[in-house]
Amino acid sequence: MRKYVGSLIGVDQGNEEVFSDFASGGDMWTGHGARERRKKVIFSEPFRSTPTVQVALSLWDVDQGANVRADIGTDKVTEKGFEMVFRTWSDTRVARVRLSWTAIGEVSSEDDWDLY
């Protein structure tokens, strides 16, 4: 369990299109080439320390003619932002993906002092 010092907890959230490969014939739709996509997210303001970030599928447009496979997650989480990661494999064909995210963590207060 993560415990935060102080009483100021911030929540930032968003909904981001990670890719749309259908119209352009991109790798995710054709099933050939790179099977991972990353999308950098910058928080609306920095957290005081590295926040906890949760991602979820909010749009998943896939071809019904193959098995449906996905792995979603986060990487490179810092006080200022993170990367959303979507992966698929084998014959899965994905037209487009949108991920929603929520970050929860300590935020600074105007009453905070930097003594040194």
PDB file of N, CA and C in Angstrom:
ATOM      1  N   MET A   1       0.841  -1.176   0.000  1.00  0.00           N
ATOM      2  CA  MET A   1       0.000   0.000   0.000  1.00  0.00           C
ATOM      3  C   MET A   1       0.887   1.241   0.000  1.00  0.00           C
ATOM      4  N   ARG A   2       0.498   2.200  -0.771  1.00  0.00           N
ATOM      5  CA  ARG A   2       1.230   3.457  -0.817  1.00  0.00           C
ATOM      6  C   ARG A   2       0.572   4.439   0.132  1.00  0.00           C
ATOM      7  N   LYS A   3       1.356   5.078   0.990  1.00  0.00           N
ATOM      8  CA  LYS A   3       0.840   6.055   1.942  1.00  0.00           C
ATOM      9  C   LYS A   3       1.437   7.411   1.611  1.00  0.00           C
ATOM     10  N   TYR A   4       0.587   8.437   1.600  1.00  0.00           N
ATOM     11  CA  TYR A   4       1.024   9.779   1.262  1.00  0.00           C
ATOM     12  C   TYR A   4       1.161  10.625   2.525  1.00  0.00           C
ATOM     13  N   VAL A   5       2.220  11.415   2.568  1.00  0.00           N
ATOM     14  CA  VAL A   5       2.453  12.322   3.676  1.00  0.00           C
ATOM     15  C   VAL A   5       1.708  13.619   3.392  1.00  0.00           C
ATOM     16  N   GLY A   6       1.052  14.171   4.420  1.00  0.00           N
ATOM     17  CA  GLY A   6       0.329  15.421   4.217  1.00  0.00           C
ATOM     18  C   GLY A   6      -1.093  15.167   3.774  1.00  0.00           C
ATOM     19  N   SER A   7      -1.813  16.247   3.578  1.00  0.00           N
ATOM     20  CA  SER A   7      -3.239  16.100   3.287  1.00  0.00           C
ATOM     21  C   SER A   7      -3.630  16.482   1.868  1.00  0.00           C
ATOM     22  N   LEU A   8      -2.689  16.943   1.066  1.00  0.00           N
ATOM     23  CA  LEU A   8      -3.058  17.361  -0.288  1.00  0.00           C
ATOM     24  C   LEU A   8      -2.827  16.236  -1.294  1.00  0.00           C
ATOM     25  N   ILE A   9      -3.911  15.671  -1.755  1.00  0.00           N
ATOM     26  CA  ILE A   9      -3.869  14.608  -2.751  1.00  0.00           C
ATOM     27  C   ILE A   9      -4.499  15.156  -4.030  1.00  0.00           C
ATOM     28  N   GLY A  10      -3.811  14.980  -5.141  1.00  0.00           N
ATOM     29  CA  GLY A  10      -4.317  15.444  -6.422  1.00  0.00           C
ATOM     30  C   GLY A  10      -4.735  14.278  -7.297  1.00  0.00           C
ATOM     31  N   VAL A  11      -5.748  14.523  -8.116  1.00  0.00           N
ATOM     32  CA  VAL A  11      -6.215  13.548  -9.091  1.00  0.00           C
ATOM     33  C   VAL A  11      -6.236  14.241 -10.450  1.00  0.00           C
ATOM     34  N   ASP A  12      -5.548  13.667 -11.405  1.00  0.00           N
ATOM     35  CA  ASP A  12      -5.555  14.172 -12.777  1.00  0.00           C
ATOM     36  C   ASP A  12      -6.048  13.024 -13.650  1.00  0.00           C
ATOM     37  N   GLN A  13      -6.735  13.333 -14.731  1.00  0.00           N
ATOM     38  CA  GLN A  13      -7.252  12.270 -15.582  1.00  0.00           C
ATOM     39  C   GLN A  13      -7.416  12.757 -17.007  1.00  0.00           C
ATOM     40  N   GLY A  14      -7.523  11.796 -17.919  1.00  0.00           N
ATOM     41  CA  GLY A  14      -7.700  12.139 -19.317  1.00  0.00           C
ATOM     42  C   GLY A  14      -8.104  10.929 -20.137  1.00  0.00           C
ATOM     43  N   ASN A  15      -8.291  11.172 -21.422  1.00  0.00           N
ATOM     44  CA  ASN A  15      -8.711  10.161 -22.374  1.00  0.00           C
ATOM     45  C   ASN A  15      -7.969  10.455 -23.672  1.00  0.00           C
ATOM     46  N   GLU A  16      -7.104   9.552 -24.103  1.00  0.00           N
ATOM     47  CA  GLU A  16      -6.204   9.823 -25.227  1.00  0.00           C
ATOM     48  C   GLU A  16      -6.315   8.761 -26.315  1.00  0.00           C
ATOM     49  N   GLU A  17      -6.390   9.211 -27.573  1.00  0.00           N
ATOM     50  CA  GLU A  17      -6.295   8.255 -28.678  1.00  0.00           C
ATOM     51  C   GLU A  17      -4.838   7.835 -28.794  1.00  0.00           C
ATOM     52  N   VAL A  18      -4.584   6.546 -28.723  1.00  0.00           N
ATOM     53  CA  VAL A  18      -3.220   6.028 -28.806  1.00  0.00           C
ATOM     54  C   VAL A  18      -2.821   5.854 -30.275  1.00  0.00           C
ATOM     55  N   PHE A  19      -3.737   5.344 -31.095  1.00  0.00           N
ATOM     56  CA  PHE A  19      -3.478   5.230 -32.527  1.00  0.00           C
ATOM     57  C   PHE A  19      -4.782   4.982 -33.265  1.00  0.00           C
ATOM     58  N   SER A  20      -4.746   5.238 -34.583  1.00  0.00           N
ATOM     59  CA  SER A  20      -5.840   4.921 -35.490  1.00  0.00           C
ATOM     60  C   SER A  20      -5.201   4.453 -36.794  1.00  0.00           C
ATOM     61  N   ASP A  21      -5.107   3.140 -36.969  1.00  0.00           N
ATOM     62  CA  ASP A  21      -4.393   2.562 -38.103  1.00  0.00           C
ATOM     63  C   ASP A  21      -5.300   2.103 -39.247  1.00  0.00           C
ATOM     64  N   PHE A  22      -6.606   2.124 -39.060  1.00  0.00           N
ATOM     65  CA  PHE A  22      -7.519   1.592 -40.068  1.00  0.00           C
ATOM     66  C   PHE A  22      -7.421   2.344 -41.395  1.00  0.00           C
ATOM     67  N   ALA A  23      -7.592   3.653 -41.345  1.00  0.00           N
ATOM     68  CA  ALA A  23      -7.629   4.447 -42.586  1.00  0.00           C
ATOM     69  C   ALA A  23      -6.271   4.471 -43.294  1.00  0.00           C
ATOM     70  N   SER A  24      -5.180   4.424 -42.526  1.00  0.00           N
ATOM     71  CA  SER A  24      -3.853   4.538 -43.130  1.00  0.00           C
ATOM     72  C   SER A  24      -3.219   3.193 -43.460  1.00  0.00           C
ATOM     73  N   GLY A  25      -3.880   2.091 -43.086  1.00  0.00           N
ATOM     74  CA  GLY A  25      -3.304   0.773 -43.332  1.00  0.00           C
ATOM     75  C   GLY A  25      -2.071   0.509 -42.492  1.00  0.00           C
ATOM     76  N   GLY A  26      -2.071   1.043 -41.272  1.00  0.00           N
ATOM     77  CA  GLY A  26      -0.921   0.913 -40.378  1.00  0.00           C
ATOM     78  C   GLY A  26      -0.708  -0.503 -39.865  1.00  0.00           C
ATOM     79  N   ASP A  27       0.406  -0.691 -39.170  1.00  0.00           N
ATOM     80  CA  ASP A  27       0.840  -2.007 -38.703  1.00  0.00           C
ATOM     81  C   ASP A  27      -0.175  -2.717 -37.817  1.00  0.00           C
ATOM     82  N   MET A  28      -0.829  -1.990 -36.951  1.00  0.00           N
ATOM     83  CA  MET A  28      -1.786  -2.632 -36.043  1.00  0.00           C
ATOM     84  C   MET A  28      -2.981  -3.209 -36.813  1.00  0.00           C
ATOM     85  N   TRP A  29      -3.360  -2.542 -37.902  1.00  0.00           N
ATOM     86  CA  TRP A  29      -4.501  -3.019 -38.679  1.00  0.00           C
ATOM     87  C   TRP A  29      -4.104  -4.137 -39.641  1.00  0.00           C
ATOM     88  N   THR A  30      -2.937  -4.030 -40.249  1.00  0.00           N
ATOM     89  CA  THR A  30      -2.515  -5.065 -41.205  1.00  0.00           C
ATOM     90  C   THR A  30      -1.998  -6.309 -40.501  1.00  0.00           C
ATOM     91  N   GLY A  31      -1.567  -6.157 -39.243  1.00  0.00           N
ATOM     92  CA  GLY A  31      -1.038  -7.298 -38.493  1.00  0.00           C
ATOM     93  C   GLY A  31       0.419  -7.588 -38.786  1.00  0.00           C
ATOM     94  N   HIS A  32       1.102  -6.665 -39.453  1.00  0.00           N
ATOM     95  CA  HIS A  32       2.522  -6.834 -39.778  1.00  0.00           C
ATOM     96  C   HIS A  32       3.289  -5.632 -39.244  1.00  0.00           C
ATOM     97  N   GLY A  33       4.489  -5.870 -38.743  1.00  0.00           N
ATOM     98  CA  GLY A  33       5.318  -4.768 -38.249  1.00  0.00           C
ATOM     99  C   GLY A  33       5.178  -4.583 -36.747  1.00  0.00           C
ATOM    100  N   ALA A  34       5.407  -3.360 -36.307  1.00  0.00           N
ATOM    101  CA  ALA A  34       5.407  -3.035 -34.870  1.00  0.00           C
ATOM    102  C   ALA A  34       4.043  -3.330 -34.250  1.00  0.00           C
ATOM    103  N   ARG A  35       4.043  -4.049 -33.150  1.00  0.00           N
ATOM    104  CA  ARG A  35       2.788  -4.435 -32.498  1.00  0.00           C
ATOM    105  C   ARG A  35       2.664  -3.783 -31.130  1.00  0.00           C
ATOM    106  N   GLU A  36       3.362  -2.675 -30.965  1.00  0.00           N
ATOM    107  CA  GLU A  36       3.299  -1.908 -29.731  1.00  0.00           C
ATOM    108  C   GLU A  36       3.192  -0.434 -30.070  1.00  0.00           C
ATOM    109  N   ARG A  37       2.355   0.271 -29.327  1.00  0.00           N
ATOM    110  CA  ARG A  37       2.232   1.714 -29.475  1.00  0.00           C
ATOM    111  C   ARG A  37       2.338   2.354 -28.103  1.00  0.00           C
ATOM    112  N   ARG A  38       2.983   3.519 -28.068  1.00  0.00           N
ATOM    113  CA  ARG A  38       3.140   4.290 -26.839  1.00  0.00           C
ATOM    114  C   ARG A  38       2.622   5.703 -27.073  1.00  0.00           C
ATOM    115  N   LYS A  39       2.053   6.268 -26.024  1.00  0.00           N
ATOM    116  CA  LYS A  39       1.549   7.644 -26.100  1.00  0.00           C
ATOM    117  C   LYS A  39       1.991   8.375 -24.837  1.00  0.00           C
ATOM    118  N   LYS A  40       2.739   9.449 -25.010  1.00  0.00           N
ATOM    119  CA  LYS A  40       3.230  10.222 -23.877  1.00  0.00           C
ATOM    120  C   LYS A  40       2.113  11.128 -23.361  1.00  0.00           C
ATOM    121  N   VAL A  41       1.991  11.183 -22.040  1.00  0.00           N
ATOM    122  CA  VAL A  41       1.000  12.022 -21.376  1.00  0.00           C
ATOM    123  C   VAL A  41       1.736  12.949 -20.418  1.00  0.00           C
ATOM    124  N   ILE A  42       1.407  14.231 -20.462  1.00  0.00           N
ATOM    125  CA  ILE A  42       1.946  15.221 -19.532  1.00  0.00           C
ATOM    126  C   ILE A  42       0.809  15.633 -18.595  1.00  0.00           C
ATOM    127  N   PHE A  43       1.049  15.565 -17.283  1.00  0.00           N
ATOM    128  CA  PHE A  43       0.029  15.955 -16.321  1.00  0.00           C
ATOM    129  C   PHE A  43      -0.247  17.454 -16.414  1.00  0.00           C
ATOM    130  N   SER A  44      -1.442  17.860 -16.000  1.00  0.00           N
ATOM    131  CA  SER A  44      -1.813  19.279 -16.059  1.00  0.00           C
ATOM    132  C   SER A  44      -0.937  20.130 -15.146  1.00  0.00           C
ATOM    133  N   GLU A  45      -0.410  19.532 -14.090  1.00  0.00           N
ATOM    134  CA  GLU A  45       0.624  20.140 -13.251  1.00  0.00           C
ATOM    135  C   GLU A  45       1.390  19.015 -12.575  1.00  0.00           C
ATOM    136  N   PRO A  46       2.655  19.259 -12.239  1.00  0.00           N
ATOM    137  CA  PRO A  46       3.453  18.177 -11.654  1.00  0.00           C
ATOM    138  C   PRO A  46       2.952  17.751 -10.272  1.00  0.00           C
ATOM    139  N   PHE A  47       3.115  16.484  -9.973  1.00  0.00           N
ATOM    140  CA  PHE A  47       2.854  15.978  -8.635  1.00  0.00           C
ATOM    141  C   PHE A  47       4.099  16.222  -7.780  1.00  0.00           C
ATOM    142  N   ARG A  48       3.940  16.134  -6.473  1.00  0.00           N
ATOM    143  CA  ARG A  48       5.066  16.315  -5.554  1.00  0.00           C
ATOM    144  C   ARG A  48       6.005  15.109  -5.586  1.00  0.00           C
ATOM    145  N   SER A  49       5.443  13.936  -5.780  1.00  0.00           N
ATOM    146  CA  SER A  49       6.204  12.695  -5.922  1.00  0.00           C
ATOM    147  C   SER A  49       5.537  11.870  -7.014  1.00  0.00           C
ATOM    148  N   THR A  50       6.164  10.777  -7.391  1.00  0.00           N
ATOM    149  CA  THR A  50       5.619   9.943  -8.466  1.00  0.00           C
ATOM    150  C   THR A  50       4.228   9.430  -8.088  1.00  0.00           C
ATOM    151  N   PRO A  51       3.205   9.730  -8.894  1.00  0.00           N
ATOM    152  CA  PRO A  51       1.845   9.292  -8.571  1.00  0.00           C
ATOM    153  C   PRO A  51       1.589   7.846  -8.975  1.00  0.00           C
ATOM    154  N   THR A  52       0.475   7.333  -8.523  1.00  0.00           N
ATOM    155  CA  THR A  52      -0.032   6.043  -8.981  1.00  0.00           C
ATOM    156  C   THR A  52      -0.899   6.307 -10.206  1.00  0.00           C
ATOM    157  N   VAL A  53      -0.672   5.564 -11.294  1.00  0.00           N
ATOM    158  CA  VAL A  53      -1.408   5.791 -12.545  1.00  0.00           C
ATOM    159  C   VAL A  53      -2.120   4.512 -12.956  1.00  0.00           C
ATOM    160  N   GLN A  54      -3.377   4.643 -13.328  1.00  0.00           N
ATOM    161  CA  GLN A  54      -4.205   3.531 -13.802  1.00  0.00           C
ATOM    162  C   GLN A  54      -4.651   3.840 -15.224  1.00  0.00           C
ATOM    163  N   VAL A  55      -4.556   2.879 -16.135  1.00  0.00           N
ATOM    164  CA  VAL A  55      -5.075   3.052 -17.494  1.00  0.00           C
ATOM    165  C   VAL A  55      -6.143   2.001 -17.777  1.00  0.00           C
ATOM    166  N   ALA A  56      -7.072   2.352 -18.650  1.00  0.00           N
ATOM    167  CA  ALA A  56      -8.152   1.439 -19.036  1.00  0.00           C
ATOM    168  C   ALA A  56      -8.531   1.705 -20.491  1.00  0.00           C
ATOM    169  N   LEU A  57      -9.003   0.672 -21.162  1.00  0.00           N
ATOM    170  CA  LEU A  57      -9.507   0.846 -22.532  1.00  0.00           C
ATOM    171  C   LEU A  57     -10.798   1.651 -22.507  1.00  0.00           C
ATOM    172  N   SER A  58     -10.871   2.702 -23.306  1.00  0.00           N
ATOM    173  CA  SER A  58     -12.128   3.425 -23.457  1.00  0.00           C
ATOM    174  C   SER A  58     -12.688   3.276 -24.870  1.00  0.00           C
ATOM    175  N   LEU A  59     -11.849   2.875 -25.823  1.00  0.00           N
ATOM    176  CA  LEU A  59     -12.301   2.534 -27.174  1.00  0.00           C
ATOM    177  C   LEU A  59     -11.356   1.479 -27.716  1.00  0.00           C
ATOM    178  N   TRP A  60     -11.945   0.413 -28.242  1.00  0.00           N
ATOM    179  CA  TRP A  60     -11.149  -0.671 -28.795  1.00  0.00           C
ATOM    180  C   TRP A  60     -11.875  -1.163 -30.028  1.00  0.00           C
ATOM    181  N   ASP A  61     -11.367  -0.823 -31.196  1.00  0.00           N
ATOM    182  CA  ASP A  61     -11.980  -1.177 -32.468  1.00  0.00           C
ATOM    183  C   ASP A  61     -11.125  -2.265 -33.103  1.00  0.00           C
ATOM    184  N   VAL A  62     -11.626  -3.530 -33.070  1.00  0.00           N
ATOM    185  CA  VAL A  62     -10.835  -4.668 -33.532  1.00  0.00           C
ATOM    186  C   VAL A  62     -11.583  -5.455 -34.598  1.00  0.00           C
ATOM    187  N   ASP A  63     -10.815  -6.167 -35.393  1.00  0.00           N
ATOM    188  CA  ASP A  63     -11.368  -7.053 -36.412  1.00  0.00           C
ATOM    189  C   ASP A  63     -11.909  -8.311 -35.731  1.00  0.00           C
ATOM    190  N   GLN A  64     -13.113  -8.709 -36.080  1.00  0.00           N
ATOM    191  CA  GLN A  64     -13.732  -9.876 -35.441  1.00  0.00           C
ATOM    192  C   GLN A  64     -13.293 -11.201 -36.060  1.00  0.00           C
ATOM    193  N   GLY A  65     -12.464 -11.148 -37.096  1.00  0.00           N
ATOM    194  CA  GLY A  65     -12.051 -12.368 -37.775  1.00  0.00           C
ATOM    195  C   GLY A  65     -10.853 -13.081 -37.165  1.00  0.00           C
ATOM    196  N   ALA A  66     -10.324 -12.562 -36.074  1.00  0.00           N
ATOM    197  CA  ALA A  66      -9.152 -13.177 -35.432  1.00  0.00           C
ATOM    198  C   ALA A  66      -9.324 -13.103 -33.917  1.00  0.00           C
ATOM    199  N   ASN A  67      -8.437 -13.765 -33.211  1.00  0.00           N
ATOM    200  CA  ASN A  67      -8.466 -13.681 -31.756  1.00  0.00           C
ATOM    201  C   ASN A  67      -8.191 -12.249 -31.309  1.00  0.00           C
ATOM    202  N   VAL A  68      -8.835 -11.850 -30.232  1.00  0.00           N
ATOM    203  CA  VAL A  68      -8.683 -10.500 -29.691  1.00  0.00           C
ATOM    204  C   VAL A  68      -7.695 -10.566 -28.520  1.00  0.00           C
ATOM    205  N   ARG A  69      -6.557  -9.873 -28.669  1.00  0.00           N
ATOM    206  CA  ARG A  69      -5.508  -9.898 -27.652  1.00  0.00           C
ATOM    207  C   ARG A  69      -5.033  -8.474 -27.387  1.00  0.00           C
ATOM    208  N   ALA A  70      -4.799  -8.160 -26.105  1.00  0.00           N
ATOM    209  CA  ALA A  70      -4.265  -6.845 -25.762  1.00  0.00           C
ATOM    210  C   ALA A  70      -3.587  -6.887 -24.409  1.00  0.00           C
ATOM    211  N   ASP A  71      -2.567  -6.074 -24.289  1.00  0.00           N
ATOM    212  CA  ASP A  71      -1.883  -5.843 -23.031  1.00  0.00           C
ATOM    213  C   ASP A  71      -1.723  -4.332 -22.919  1.00  0.00           C
ATOM    214  N   ILE A  72      -2.290  -3.730 -21.879  1.00  0.00           N
ATOM    215  CA  ILE A  72      -2.169  -2.289 -21.696  1.00  0.00           C
ATOM    216  C   ILE A  72      -1.476  -2.019 -20.364  1.00  0.00           C
ATOM    217  N   GLY A  73      -0.781  -0.898 -20.313  1.00  0.00           N
ATOM    218  CA  GLY A  73      -0.092  -0.558 -19.081  1.00  0.00           C
ATOM    219  C   GLY A  73       0.537   0.819 -19.159  1.00  0.00           C
ATOM    220  N   THR A  74       1.419   1.094 -18.183  1.00  0.00           N
ATOM    221  CA  THR A  74       2.131   2.363 -18.115  1.00  0.00           C
ATOM    222  C   THR A  74       3.628   2.092 -18.061  1.00  0.00           C
ATOM    223  N   ASP A  75       4.401   3.111 -18.417  1.00  0.00           N
ATOM    224  CA  ASP A  75       5.850   3.021 -18.347  1.00  0.00           C
ATOM    225  C   ASP A  75       6.383   4.432 -18.121  1.00  0.00           C
ATOM    226  N   LYS A  76       7.569   4.519 -17.551  1.00  0.00           N
ATOM    227  CA  LYS A  76       8.273   5.791 -17.363  1.00  0.00           C
ATOM    228  C   LYS A  76       7.419   6.818 -16.609  1.00  0.00           C
ATOM    229  N   VAL A  77       6.785   6.397 -15.524  1.00  0.00           N
ATOM    230  CA  VAL A  77       5.956   7.296 -14.720  1.00  0.00           C
ATOM    231  C   VAL A  77       6.868   8.204 -13.895  1.00  0.00           C
ATOM    232  N   THR A  78       6.644   9.513 -13.990  1.00  0.00           N
ATOM    233  CA  THR A  78       7.378  10.508 -13.203  1.00  0.00           C
ATOM    234  C   THR A  78       6.371  11.489 -12.608  1.00  0.00           C
ATOM    235  N   GLU A  79       6.868  12.474 -11.899  1.00  0.00           N
ATOM    236  CA  GLU A  79       6.008  13.517 -11.337  1.00  0.00           C
ATOM    237  C   GLU A  79       5.351  14.360 -12.423  1.00  0.00           C
ATOM    238  N   LYS A  80       5.937  14.379 -13.613  1.00  0.00           N
ATOM    239  CA  LYS A  80       5.449  15.243 -14.696  1.00  0.00           C
ATOM    240  C   LYS A  80       4.592  14.533 -15.733  1.00  0.00           C
ATOM    241  N   GLY A  81       4.689  13.202 -15.828  1.00  0.00           N
ATOM    242  CA  GLY A  81       3.922  12.492 -16.842  1.00  0.00           C
ATOM    243  C   GLY A  81       4.294  11.022 -16.908  1.00  0.00           C
ATOM    244  N   PHE A  82       3.861  10.363 -17.988  1.00  0.00           N
ATOM    245  CA  PHE A  82       4.101   8.930 -18.161  1.00  0.00           C
ATOM    246  C   PHE A  82       3.831   8.546 -19.602  1.00  0.00           C
ATOM    247  N   GLU A  83       4.085   7.283 -19.929  1.00  0.00           N
ATOM    248  CA  GLU A  83       3.741   6.737 -21.237  1.00  0.00           C
ATOM    249  C   GLU A  83       2.675   5.666 -21.079  1.00  0.00           C
ATOM    250  N   MET A  84       1.620   5.759 -21.885  1.00  0.00           N
ATOM    251  CA  MET A  84       0.634   4.676 -21.975  1.00  0.00           C
ATOM    252  C   MET A  84       1.180   3.687 -22.995  1.00  0.00           C
ATOM    253  N   VAL A  85       0.988   2.392 -22.730  1.00  0.00           N
ATOM    254  CA  VAL A  85       1.515   1.357 -23.620  1.00  0.00           C
ATOM    255  C   VAL A  85       0.385   0.403 -24.007  1.00  0.00           C
ATOM    256  N   PHE A  86       0.241   0.174 -25.310  1.00  0.00           N
ATOM    257  CA  PHE A  86      -0.706  -0.814 -25.834  1.00  0.00           C
ATOM    258  C   PHE A  86       0.082  -1.813 -26.657  1.00  0.00           C
ATOM    259  N   ARG A  87      -0.127  -3.106 -26.390  1.00  0.00           N
ATOM    260  CA  ARG A  87       0.535  -4.169 -27.154  1.00  0.00           C
ATOM    261  C   ARG A  87      -0.491  -5.199 -27.594  1.00  0.00           C
ATOM    262  N   THR A  88      -0.237  -5.763 -28.767  1.00  0.00           N
ATOM    263  CA  THR A  88      -0.992  -6.922 -29.221  1.00  0.00           C
ATOM    264  C   THR A  88      -0.018  -7.844 -29.950  1.00  0.00           C
ATOM    265  N   TRP A  89      -0.468  -9.011 -30.353  1.00  0.00           N
ATOM    266  CA  TRP A  89       0.431  -9.977 -30.975  1.00  0.00           C
ATOM    267  C   TRP A  89      -0.360 -10.933 -31.862  1.00  0.00           C
ATOM    268  N   SER A  90       0.389 -11.771 -32.574  1.00  0.00           N
ATOM    269  CA  SER A  90      -0.137 -12.805 -33.453  1.00  0.00           C
ATOM    270  C   SER A  90      -1.017 -12.195 -34.542  1.00  0.00           C
ATOM    271  N   ASP A  91      -2.204 -12.777 -34.801  1.00  0.00           N
ATOM    272  CA  ASP A  91      -3.044 -12.329 -35.917  1.00  0.00           C
ATOM    273  C   ASP A  91      -4.068 -11.266 -35.537  1.00  0.00           C
ATOM    274  N   THR A  92      -4.028 -10.754 -34.331  1.00  0.00           N
ATOM    275  CA  THR A  92      -4.982  -9.726 -33.903  1.00  0.00           C
ATOM    276  C   THR A  92      -4.810  -8.473 -34.753  1.00  0.00           C
ATOM    277  N   ARG A  93      -5.933  -7.947 -35.244  1.00  0.00           N
ATOM    278  CA  ARG A  93      -5.932  -6.725 -36.059  1.00  0.00           C
ATOM    279  C   ARG A  93      -6.721  -5.659 -35.323  1.00  0.00           C
ATOM    280  N   VAL A  94      -6.053  -4.544 -35.039  1.00  0.00           N
ATOM    281  CA  VAL A  94      -6.669  -3.463 -34.266  1.00  0.00           C
ATOM    282  C   VAL A  94      -6.734  -2.217 -35.132  1.00  0.00           C
ATOM    283  N   ALA A  95      -7.940  -1.682 -35.300  1.00  0.00           N
ATOM    284  CA  ALA A  95      -8.119  -0.475 -36.103  1.00  0.00           C
ATOM    285  C   ALA A  95      -7.728   0.768 -35.324  1.00  0.00           C
ATOM    286  N   ARG A  96      -8.181   0.865 -34.077  1.00  0.00           N
ATOM    287  CA  ARG A  96      -7.849   2.037 -33.260  1.00  0.00           C
ATOM    288  C   ARG A  96      -8.070   1.735 -31.787  1.00  0.00           C
ATOM    289  N   VAL A  97      -7.365   2.513 -30.967  1.00  0.00           N
ATOM    290  CA  VAL A  97      -7.439   2.349 -29.519  1.00  0.00           C
ATOM    291  C   VAL A  97      -7.418   3.725 -28.864  1.00  0.00           C
ATOM    292  N   ARG A  98      -8.265   3.866 -27.866  1.00  0.00           N
ATOM    293  CA  ARG A  98      -8.241   5.049 -26.999  1.00  0.00           C
ATOM    294  C   ARG A  98      -8.160   4.533 -25.562  1.00  0.00           C
ATOM    295  N   LEU A  99      -7.299   5.141 -24.763  1.00  0.00           N
ATOM    296  CA  LEU A  99      -7.138   4.753 -23.366  1.00  0.00           C
ATOM    297  C   LEU A  99      -7.486   5.925 -22.453  1.00  0.00           C
ATOM    298  N   SER A 100      -8.189   5.622 -21.381  1.00  0.00           N
ATOM    299  CA  SER A 100      -8.419   6.632 -20.347  1.00  0.00           C
ATOM    300  C   SER A 100      -7.411   6.391 -19.234  1.00  0.00           C
ATOM    301  N   TRP A 101      -7.102   7.423 -18.476  1.00  0.00           N
ATOM    302  CA  TRP A 101      -6.104   7.297 -17.417  1.00  0.00           C
ATOM    303  C   TRP A 101      -6.485   8.167 -16.221  1.00  0.00           C
ATOM    304  N   THR A 102      -6.039   7.727 -15.067  1.00  0.00           N
ATOM    305  CA  THR A 102      -6.219   8.472 -13.822  1.00  0.00           C
ATOM    306  C   THR A 102      -4.915   8.399 -13.045  1.00  0.00           C
ATOM    307  N   ALA A 103      -4.447   9.549 -12.576  1.00  0.00           N
ATOM    308  CA  ALA A 103      -3.244   9.626 -11.754  1.00  0.00           C
ATOM    309  C   ALA A 103      -3.632  10.205 -10.401  1.00  0.00           C
ATOM    310  N   ILE A 104      -3.159   9.551  -9.339  1.00  0.00           N
ATOM    311  CA  ILE A 104      -3.461   9.987  -7.974  1.00  0.00           C
ATOM    312  C   ILE A 104      -2.143  10.078  -7.216  1.00  0.00           C
ATOM    313  N   GLY A 105      -1.927  11.229  -6.556  1.00  0.00           N
ATOM    314  CA  GLY A 105      -0.690  11.376  -5.804  1.00  0.00           C
ATOM    315  C   GLY A 105      -0.637  12.665  -5.016  1.00  0.00           C
ATOM    316  N   GLU A 106       0.470  12.817  -4.316  1.00  0.00           N
ATOM    317  CA  GLU A 106       0.710  14.008  -3.506  1.00  0.00           C
ATOM    318  C   GLU A 106       0.925  15.214  -4.400  1.00  0.00           C
ATOM    319  N   VAL A 107       0.351  16.350  -4.012  1.00  0.00           N
ATOM    320  CA  VAL A 107       0.585  17.598  -4.726  1.00  0.00           C
ATOM    321  C   VAL A 107       1.138  18.625  -3.745  1.00  0.00           C
ATOM    322  N   SER A 108       1.826  19.596  -4.286  1.00  0.00           N
ATOM    323  CA  SER A 108       2.408  20.646  -3.458  1.00  0.00           C
ATOM    324  C   SER A 108       1.356  21.646  -3.029  1.00  0.00           C
ATOM    325  N   SER A 109       1.648  22.312  -1.925  1.00  0.00           N
ATOM    326  CA  SER A 109       0.779  23.356  -1.385  1.00  0.00           C
ATOM    327  C   SER A 109       1.534  24.671  -1.397  1.00  0.00           C
ATOM    328  N   GLU A 110       0.818  25.764  -1.471  1.00  0.00           N
ATOM    329  CA  GLU A 110       1.478  27.068  -1.394  1.00  0.00           C
ATOM    330  C   GLU A 110       2.091  27.287  -0.009  1.00  0.00           C
ATOM    331  N   ASP A 111       1.702  26.466   0.965  1.00  0.00           N
ATOM    332  CA  ASP A 111       2.277  26.556   2.318  1.00  0.00           C
ATOM    333  C   ASP A 111       3.551  25.732   2.472  1.00  0.00           C
ATOM    334  N   ASP A 112       3.948  24.971   1.448  1.00  0.00           N
ATOM    335  CA  ASP A 112       5.184  24.196   1.522  1.00  0.00           C
ATOM    336  C   ASP A 112       6.383  25.145   1.508  1.00  0.00           C
ATOM    337  N   TRP A 113       7.381  24.814   2.273  1.00  0.00           N
ATOM    338  CA  TRP A 113       8.602  25.631   2.339  1.00  0.00           C
ATOM    339  C   TRP A 113       9.783  24.814   1.843  1.00  0.00           C
ATOM    340  N   ASP A 114      10.672  25.454   1.144  1.00  0.00           N
ATOM    341  CA  ASP A 114      11.957  24.868   0.798  1.00  0.00           C
ATOM    342  C   ASP A 114      12.998  25.493   1.716  1.00  0.00           C
ATOM    343  N   LEU A 115      13.442  24.748   2.729  1.00  0.00           N
ATOM    344  CA  LEU A 115      14.370  25.290   3.708  1.00  0.00           C
ATOM    345  C   LEU A 115      15.809  25.272   3.235  1.00  0.00           C
ATOM    346  N   TYR A 116      16.178  24.316   2.392  1.00  0.00           N
ATOM    347  CA  TYR A 116      17.576  24.211   1.973  1.00  0.00           C
ATOM    348  C   TYR A 116      17.673  24.082   0.489  1.00  0.00           C
TER     349      TYR A 116
END
